[in-house]
Amino acid sequence: MSLLIPLYVHPAEDPGSWHRLITAADRTYGVVINPANGPGGAPDPAFVAAAGALRTAGARLLGYVDTDYGTRSPAEVAEDALLHREWYGTDGSFLDRVSSAATELPAYRTLVRDLRRRGSRSVVLNPGVHPAPGYARLADLVVTFEGSWSTYVSAFSRPDWTLRHPPERICHLVYGVPEALAPLAVRTAHERGAAVSGPVTGEPPNPWARLTPLLTGAER
């Protein structure tokens, strides 16, 4: 399995999930580090420790950065990415709330190039929907679906341009997945052209506060 793990819960609040994630780091594509909807105002010791353990276990760490659909300034985005790298040793950036519009593509192209020049070795874009085709050429991974399991099974459609891109560069993040169906969610993502996925059982407002059930047996 190649799992993208946004685990948006503090390590002190749910140390068990973080420990299981660390022990299963080799089963992940990457782990999104998100102390405070971004790096926060100062290093968080609990996240520093968790990030260090994940690095030692071989995980790729991605710092969470909100782009607010292109309305945040590139300087603010770059500063968040830099702080993640300095404080938590991240390898790259997980850019959230990315625009899907073709009109914003040039700005995101410039942004991604700048982040790479500044040291982001991996860049993940999360528009959460299928964006204009050019976005897939900018990043190492693009999240083309983020939504509920019910929507995923009943209303998902795949544009033809995705057939021209390697599945390893496409990700689907699905929440509200019944625990017993988590393996099916991974298989469904593969069938729909996404080699990377992240099924969780949680629900809004923060479905990512729970670790995917695919890793909850990592200690056994």
C-alpha atoms as a PDB file:
ATOM      1  CA  MET A   1       0.000   0.000   0.000  1.00  0.00           C
ATOM      2  CA  SER A   2       1.020   3.590  -0.624  1.00  0.00           C
ATOM      3  CA  LEU A   3      -0.824   5.738   1.883  1.00  0.00           C
ATOM      4  CA  LEU A   4      -0.836   9.491   2.279  1.00  0.00           C
ATOM      5  CA  ILE A   5      -1.421  10.236   5.957  1.00  0.00           C
ATOM      6  CA  PRO A   6      -2.816  13.577   7.081  1.00  0.00           C
ATOM      7  CA  LEU A   7      -3.113  12.900  10.843  1.00  0.00           C
ATOM      8  CA  TYR A   8      -4.477  16.152  12.225  1.00  0.00           C
ATOM      9  CA  VAL A   9      -4.489  15.373  15.930  1.00  0.00           C
ATOM     10  CA  HIS A  10      -1.882  16.431  18.485  1.00  0.00           C
ATOM     11  CA  PRO A  11       0.570  13.678  19.495  1.00  0.00           C
ATOM     12  CA  ALA A  12      -0.190  14.355  23.171  1.00  0.00           C
ATOM     13  CA  GLU A  13      -3.918  13.917  22.541  1.00  0.00           C
ATOM     14  CA  ASP A  14      -3.631  10.589  20.712  1.00  0.00           C
ATOM     15  CA  PRO A  15      -0.127   9.177  21.281  1.00  0.00           C
ATOM     16  CA  GLY A  16      -1.288   5.684  20.354  1.00  0.00           C
ATOM     17  CA  SER A  17      -2.140   6.663  16.793  1.00  0.00           C
ATOM     18  CA  TRP A  18       1.157   8.473  16.354  1.00  0.00           C
ATOM     19  CA  HIS A  19       3.075   5.485  17.697  1.00  0.00           C
ATOM     20  CA  ARG A  20       1.272   3.119  15.330  1.00  0.00           C
ATOM     21  CA  LEU A  21       1.986   5.479  12.461  1.00  0.00           C
ATOM     22  CA  ILE A  22       5.682   5.526  13.329  1.00  0.00           C
ATOM     23  CA  THR A  23       5.842   1.731  13.460  1.00  0.00           C
ATOM     24  CA  ALA A  24       4.151   1.519  10.044  1.00  0.00           C
ATOM     25  CA  ALA A  25       6.073   4.344   8.365  1.00  0.00           C
ATOM     26  CA  ASP A  26       7.323   2.022   5.616  1.00  0.00           C
ATOM     27  CA  ARG A  27       3.727   1.542   4.414  1.00  0.00           C
ATOM     28  CA  THR A  28       3.203   5.238   3.728  1.00  0.00           C
ATOM     29  CA  TYR A  29       3.780   7.525   0.783  1.00  0.00           C
ATOM     30  CA  GLY A  30       4.167  10.423   3.191  1.00  0.00           C
ATOM     31  CA  VAL A  31       2.962  11.946   6.452  1.00  0.00           C
ATOM     32  CA  VAL A  32       1.567  15.479   6.592  1.00  0.00           C
ATOM     33  CA  ILE A  33       2.867  17.462   9.568  1.00  0.00           C
ATOM     34  CA  ASN A  34       0.268  20.023  10.671  1.00  0.00           C
ATOM     35  CA  PRO A  35       0.746  21.449  14.177  1.00  0.00           C
ATOM     36  CA  ALA A  36      -1.489  24.516  13.823  1.00  0.00           C
ATOM     37  CA  ASN A  37      -3.080  24.699  10.384  1.00  0.00           C
ATOM     38  CA  GLY A  38       0.512  25.247   9.302  1.00  0.00           C
ATOM     39  CA  PRO A  39       3.771  25.285  11.251  1.00  0.00           C
ATOM     40  CA  GLY A  40       2.390  27.462  14.054  1.00  0.00           C
ATOM     41  CA  GLY A  41       4.067  30.381  15.788  1.00  0.00           C
ATOM     42  CA  ALA A  42       6.858  28.372  17.407  1.00  0.00           C
ATOM     43  CA  PRO A  43       8.167  24.804  17.323  1.00  0.00           C
ATOM     44  CA  ASP A  44       5.851  22.367  19.103  1.00  0.00           C
ATOM     45  CA  PRO A  45       8.009  19.934  21.129  1.00  0.00           C
ATOM     46  CA  ALA A  46       5.541  17.059  20.713  1.00  0.00           C
ATOM     47  CA  PHE A  47       5.545  17.448  16.933  1.00  0.00           C
ATOM     48  CA  VAL A  48       9.332  17.848  16.907  1.00  0.00           C
ATOM     49  CA  ALA A  49       9.635  14.490  18.684  1.00  0.00           C
ATOM     50  CA  ALA A  50       7.047  12.787  16.458  1.00  0.00           C
ATOM     51  CA  ALA A  51       8.642  14.153  13.302  1.00  0.00           C
ATOM     52  CA  GLY A  52      12.061  12.972  14.434  1.00  0.00           C
ATOM     53  CA  ALA A  53      10.765   9.470  15.103  1.00  0.00           C
ATOM     54  CA  LEU A  54       9.028   9.360  11.735  1.00  0.00           C
ATOM     55  CA  ARG A  55      12.195  10.464   9.946  1.00  0.00           C
ATOM     56  CA  THR A  56      14.180   7.772  11.739  1.00  0.00           C
ATOM     57  CA  ALA A  57      11.557   5.234  10.637  1.00  0.00           C
ATOM     58  CA  GLY A  58      12.033   6.348   7.035  1.00  0.00           C
ATOM     59  CA  ALA A  59       8.858   8.367   6.460  1.00  0.00           C
ATOM     60  CA  ARG A  60       8.654  11.234   4.005  1.00  0.00           C
ATOM     61  CA  LEU A  61       7.467  14.314   5.909  1.00  0.00           C
ATOM     62  CA  LEU A  62       5.335  16.970   4.240  1.00  0.00           C
ATOM     63  CA  GLY A  63       4.650  20.303   5.902  1.00  0.00           C
ATOM     64  CA  TYR A  64       1.041  21.456   5.710  1.00  0.00           C
ATOM     65  CA  VAL A  65       0.648  24.839   3.989  1.00  0.00           C
ATOM     66  CA  ASP A  66      -2.710  26.463   3.228  1.00  0.00           C
ATOM     67  CA  THR A  67      -2.732  28.350  -0.091  1.00  0.00           C
ATOM     68  CA  ASP A  68      -6.371  29.523   0.293  1.00  0.00           C
ATOM     69  CA  TYR A  69      -7.087  28.791  -3.385  1.00  0.00           C
ATOM     70  CA  GLY A  70      -4.324  31.098  -4.532  1.00  0.00           C
ATOM     71  CA  THR A  71      -5.229  34.113  -2.399  1.00  0.00           C
ATOM     72  CA  ARG A  72      -2.356  33.761   0.094  1.00  0.00           C
ATOM     73  CA  SER A  73       0.801  35.538  -0.949  1.00  0.00           C
ATOM     74  CA  PRO A  74       3.641  33.381  -2.280  1.00  0.00           C
ATOM     75  CA  ALA A  75       5.897  34.866   0.396  1.00  0.00           C
ATOM     76  CA  GLU A  76       3.596  33.611   3.176  1.00  0.00           C
ATOM     77  CA  VAL A  77       3.414  30.157   1.617  1.00  0.00           C
ATOM     78  CA  ALA A  78       7.188  29.994   1.244  1.00  0.00           C
ATOM     79  CA  GLU A  79       7.693  31.125   4.847  1.00  0.00           C
ATOM     80  CA  ASP A  80       5.404  28.376   6.147  1.00  0.00           C
ATOM     81  CA  ALA A  81       7.293  25.791   4.105  1.00  0.00           C
ATOM     82  CA  LEU A  82      10.616  27.087   5.439  1.00  0.00           C
ATOM     83  CA  LEU A  83       9.452  26.954   9.066  1.00  0.00           C
ATOM     84  CA  HIS A  84       8.239  23.395   8.629  1.00  0.00           C
ATOM     85  CA  ARG A  85      11.655  22.434   7.295  1.00  0.00           C
ATOM     86  CA  GLU A  86      13.597  24.273  10.019  1.00  0.00           C
ATOM     87  CA  TRP A  87      11.448  23.122  12.947  1.00  0.00           C
ATOM     88  CA  TYR A  88      10.285  19.657  11.923  1.00  0.00           C
ATOM     89  CA  GLY A  89      12.768  18.558   9.268  1.00  0.00           C
ATOM     90  CA  THR A  90      10.172  18.129   6.551  1.00  0.00           C
ATOM     91  CA  ASP A  91      11.187  16.843   3.143  1.00  0.00           C
ATOM     92  CA  GLY A  92       8.595  18.798   1.220  1.00  0.00           C
ATOM     93  CA  SER A  93       5.261  20.574   1.235  1.00  0.00           C
ATOM     94  CA  PHE A  94       1.609  19.566   1.236  1.00  0.00           C
ATOM     95  CA  LEU A  95      -0.198  22.513  -0.327  1.00  0.00           C
ATOM     96  CA  ASP A  96      -3.837  22.489   0.718  1.00  0.00           C
ATOM     97  CA  ARG A  97      -6.867  24.328  -0.673  1.00  0.00           C
ATOM     98  CA  VAL A  98      -5.205  24.589  -4.064  1.00  0.00           C
ATOM     99  CA  SER A  99      -7.179  26.194  -6.865  1.00  0.00           C
ATOM    100  CA  SER A 100      -8.332  23.904  -9.659  1.00  0.00           C
ATOM    101  CA  ALA A 101      -8.810  26.713 -12.191  1.00  0.00           C
ATOM    102  CA  ALA A 102      -6.729  27.020 -15.330  1.00  0.00           C
ATOM    103  CA  THR A 103      -6.442  30.773 -14.728  1.00  0.00           C
ATOM    104  CA  GLU A 104      -4.459  30.148 -11.515  1.00  0.00           C
ATOM    105  CA  LEU A 105      -2.102  27.615 -13.094  1.00  0.00           C
ATOM    106  CA  PRO A 106       0.718  30.082 -13.926  1.00  0.00           C
ATOM    107  CA  ALA A 107       0.781  31.370 -10.353  1.00  0.00           C
ATOM    108  CA  TYR A 108       0.973  27.863  -8.913  1.00  0.00           C
ATOM    109  CA  ARG A 109       3.667  26.931 -11.422  1.00  0.00           C
ATOM    110  CA  THR A 110       5.765  29.836 -10.178  1.00  0.00           C
ATOM    111  CA  LEU A 111       5.015  28.942  -6.553  1.00  0.00           C
ATOM    112  CA  VAL A 112       6.032  25.297  -6.921  1.00  0.00           C
ATOM    113  CA  ARG A 113       9.250  26.233  -8.712  1.00  0.00           C
ATOM    114  CA  ASP A 114      10.088  28.641  -5.911  1.00  0.00           C
ATOM    115  CA  LEU A 115       9.406  26.052  -3.223  1.00  0.00           C
ATOM    116  CA  ARG A 116      11.664  23.571  -4.983  1.00  0.00           C
ATOM    117  CA  ARG A 117      14.429  26.162  -5.267  1.00  0.00           C
ATOM    118  CA  ARG A 118      14.085  26.790  -1.542  1.00  0.00           C
ATOM    119  CA  GLY A 119      14.526  23.126  -0.675  1.00  0.00           C
ATOM    120  CA  SER A 120      11.158  21.358  -0.936  1.00  0.00           C
ATOM    121  CA  ARG A 121      12.146  18.043  -2.464  1.00  0.00           C
ATOM    122  CA  SER A 122       8.542  16.832  -2.705  1.00  0.00           C
ATOM    123  CA  VAL A 123       5.473  18.922  -3.468  1.00  0.00           C
ATOM    124  CA  VAL A 124       1.912  17.622  -3.108  1.00  0.00           C
ATOM    125  CA  LEU A 125      -1.013  19.700  -4.384  1.00  0.00           C
ATOM    126  CA  ASN A 126      -4.487  19.235  -2.922  1.00  0.00           C
ATOM    127  CA  PRO A 127      -7.268  20.860  -4.930  1.00  0.00           C
ATOM    128  CA  GLY A 128      -9.487  17.986  -3.737  1.00  0.00           C
ATOM    129  CA  VAL A 129     -11.092  17.745  -7.187  1.00  0.00           C
ATOM    130  CA  HIS A 130      -9.807  17.103 -10.678  1.00  0.00           C
ATOM    131  CA  PRO A 131      -8.050  20.375 -11.563  1.00  0.00           C
ATOM    132  CA  ALA A 132      -7.135  21.762 -14.959  1.00  0.00           C
ATOM    133  CA  PRO A 133      -4.773  19.192 -16.514  1.00  0.00           C
ATOM    134  CA  GLY A 134      -1.628  21.298 -16.152  1.00  0.00           C
ATOM    135  CA  TYR A 135      -1.594  20.974 -12.368  1.00  0.00           C
ATOM    136  CA  ALA A 136      -0.601  17.320 -12.577  1.00  0.00           C
ATOM    137  CA  ARG A 137       2.649  18.306 -14.275  1.00  0.00           C
ATOM    138  CA  LEU A 138       3.650  20.682 -11.485  1.00  0.00           C
ATOM    139  CA  ALA A 139       3.794  18.375  -8.507  1.00  0.00           C
ATOM    140  CA  ASP A 140       5.043  14.991  -7.396  1.00  0.00           C
ATOM    141  CA  LEU A 141       1.500  14.104  -6.347  1.00  0.00           C
ATOM    142  CA  VAL A 142      -1.933  15.671  -6.902  1.00  0.00           C
ATOM    143  CA  VAL A 143      -4.981  14.915  -4.756  1.00  0.00           C
ATOM    144  CA  THR A 144      -7.811  14.782  -7.295  1.00  0.00           C
ATOM    145  CA  PHE A 145     -10.485  13.660  -4.847  1.00  0.00           C
ATOM    146  CA  GLU A 146     -11.094  14.620  -1.234  1.00  0.00           C
ATOM    147  CA  GLY A 147     -14.536  13.781   0.037  1.00  0.00           C
ATOM    148  CA  SER A 148     -16.886  11.295   1.634  1.00  0.00           C
ATOM    149  CA  TRP A 149     -17.082   7.590   0.905  1.00  0.00           C
ATOM    150  CA  SER A 150     -20.717   7.968  -0.125  1.00  0.00           C
ATOM    151  CA  THR A 151     -19.776  10.550  -2.746  1.00  0.00           C
ATOM    152  CA  TYR A 152     -16.792   8.493  -3.857  1.00  0.00           C
ATOM    153  CA  VAL A 153     -18.886   5.420  -4.596  1.00  0.00           C
ATOM    154  CA  SER A 154     -21.870   7.216  -6.127  1.00  0.00           C
ATOM    155  CA  ALA A 155     -20.697  10.371  -7.879  1.00  0.00           C
ATOM    156  CA  PHE A 156     -17.027   9.995  -8.833  1.00  0.00           C
ATOM    157  CA  SER A 157     -16.096  10.703 -12.431  1.00  0.00           C
ATOM    158  CA  ARG A 158     -12.658  10.596 -14.016  1.00  0.00           C
ATOM    159  CA  PRO A 159     -11.678  12.977 -16.824  1.00  0.00           C
ATOM    160  CA  ASP A 160      -9.795  11.544 -19.769  1.00  0.00           C
ATOM    161  CA  TRP A 161      -6.635  13.566 -19.115  1.00  0.00           C
ATOM    162  CA  THR A 162      -5.905  11.499 -15.991  1.00  0.00           C
ATOM    163  CA  LEU A 163      -5.335   8.450 -18.206  1.00  0.00           C
ATOM    164  CA  ARG A 164      -2.162  10.113 -19.502  1.00  0.00           C
ATOM    165  CA  HIS A 165      -0.586  10.418 -16.054  1.00  0.00           C
ATOM    166  CA  PRO A 166       1.094   7.710 -13.974  1.00  0.00           C
ATOM    167  CA  PRO A 167      -1.134   6.470 -11.127  1.00  0.00           C
ATOM    168  CA  GLU A 168       1.792   7.047  -8.758  1.00  0.00           C
ATOM    169  CA  ARG A 169       1.212  10.799  -9.155  1.00  0.00           C
ATOM    170  CA  ILE A 170      -2.501  10.732  -8.300  1.00  0.00           C
ATOM    171  CA  CYS A 171      -4.040  10.478  -4.817  1.00  0.00           C
ATOM    172  CA  HIS A 172      -7.586  10.092  -3.481  1.00  0.00           C
ATOM    173  CA  LEU A 173      -8.386  11.049   0.126  1.00  0.00           C
ATOM    174  CA  VAL A 174     -11.678   9.541   1.297  1.00  0.00           C
ATOM    175  CA  TYR A 175     -13.303   9.987   4.695  1.00  0.00           C
ATOM    176  CA  GLY A 176     -16.272   8.317   6.354  1.00  0.00           C
ATOM    177  CA  VAL A 177     -15.136   4.910   5.104  1.00  0.00           C
ATOM    178  CA  PRO A 178     -16.601   2.026   7.120  1.00  0.00           C
ATOM    179  CA  GLU A 179     -13.659   0.342   8.829  1.00  0.00           C
ATOM    180  CA  ALA A 180     -14.243  -3.006   7.151  1.00  0.00           C
ATOM    181  CA  LEU A 181     -14.254  -1.330   3.728  1.00  0.00           C
ATOM    182  CA  ALA A 182     -10.900   0.461   4.029  1.00  0.00           C
ATOM    183  CA  PRO A 183      -9.102  -2.167   1.879  1.00  0.00           C
ATOM    184  CA  LEU A 184     -11.871  -1.815  -0.710  1.00  0.00           C
ATOM    185  CA  ALA A 185     -11.306   1.954  -0.744  1.00  0.00           C
ATOM    186  CA  VAL A 186      -7.649   1.384  -1.630  1.00  0.00           C
ATOM    187  CA  ARG A 187      -8.559  -1.071  -4.392  1.00  0.00           C
ATOM    188  CA  THR A 188     -11.162   1.346  -5.735  1.00  0.00           C
ATOM    189  CA  ALA A 189      -8.595   4.144  -5.844  1.00  0.00           C
ATOM    190  CA  HIS A 190      -6.240   1.899  -7.818  1.00  0.00           C
ATOM    191  CA  GLU A 191      -9.008   1.037 -10.271  1.00  0.00           C
ATOM    192  CA  ARG A 192      -9.652   4.758 -10.713  1.00  0.00           C
ATOM    193  CA  GLY A 193      -6.052   5.600 -11.486  1.00  0.00           C
ATOM    194  CA  ALA A 194      -4.771   6.640  -8.045  1.00  0.00           C
ATOM    195  CA  ALA A 195      -1.876   4.583  -6.707  1.00  0.00           C
ATOM    196  CA  VAL A 196      -1.813   6.698  -3.535  1.00  0.00           C
ATOM    197  CA  SER A 197      -4.789   6.963  -1.202  1.00  0.00           C
ATOM    198  CA  GLY A 198      -5.793   7.758   2.359  1.00  0.00           C
ATOM    199  CA  PRO A 199      -9.074   6.196   3.520  1.00  0.00           C
ATOM    200  CA  VAL A 200     -10.173   7.140   7.045  1.00  0.00           C
ATOM    201  CA  THR A 201     -13.256   6.443   9.131  1.00  0.00           C
ATOM    202  CA  GLY A 202     -13.521   9.979  10.526  1.00  0.00           C
ATOM    203  CA  GLU A 203     -16.157  12.530   9.592  1.00  0.00           C
ATOM    204  CA  PRO A 204     -16.182  16.356   9.287  1.00  0.00           C
ATOM    205  CA  PRO A 205     -15.329  18.801  10.706  1.00  0.00           C
ATOM    206  CA  ASN A 206     -11.966  17.027  11.050  1.00  0.00           C
ATOM    207  CA  PRO A 207     -12.065  13.562   9.504  1.00  0.00           C
ATOM    208  CA  TRP A 208      -8.269  13.422   9.602  1.00  0.00           C
ATOM    209  CA  ALA A 209      -8.169  13.306  13.420  1.00  0.00           C
ATOM    210  CA  ARG A 210      -8.207   9.498  13.182  1.00  0.00           C
ATOM    211  CA  LEU A 211      -5.516   7.251  11.804  1.00  0.00           C
ATOM    212  CA  THR A 212      -6.540   5.126   8.845  1.00  0.00           C
ATOM    213  CA  PRO A 213      -7.703   1.683  10.003  1.00  0.00           C
ATOM    214  CA  LEU A 214      -5.240   0.169   7.529  1.00  0.00           C
ATOM    215  CA  LEU A 215      -2.472   1.022   9.998  1.00  0.00           C
ATOM    216  CA  THR A 216      -4.212   0.483  13.319  1.00  0.00           C
ATOM    217  CA  GLY A 217      -2.939  -3.087  13.519  1.00  0.00           C
ATOM    218  CA  ALA A 218       0.676  -2.071  12.987  1.00  0.00           C
ATOM    219  CA  GLU A 219       1.736  -3.096  16.496  1.00  0.00           C
ATOM    220  CA  ARG A 220       0.400  -6.650  16.196  1.00  0.00           C
END
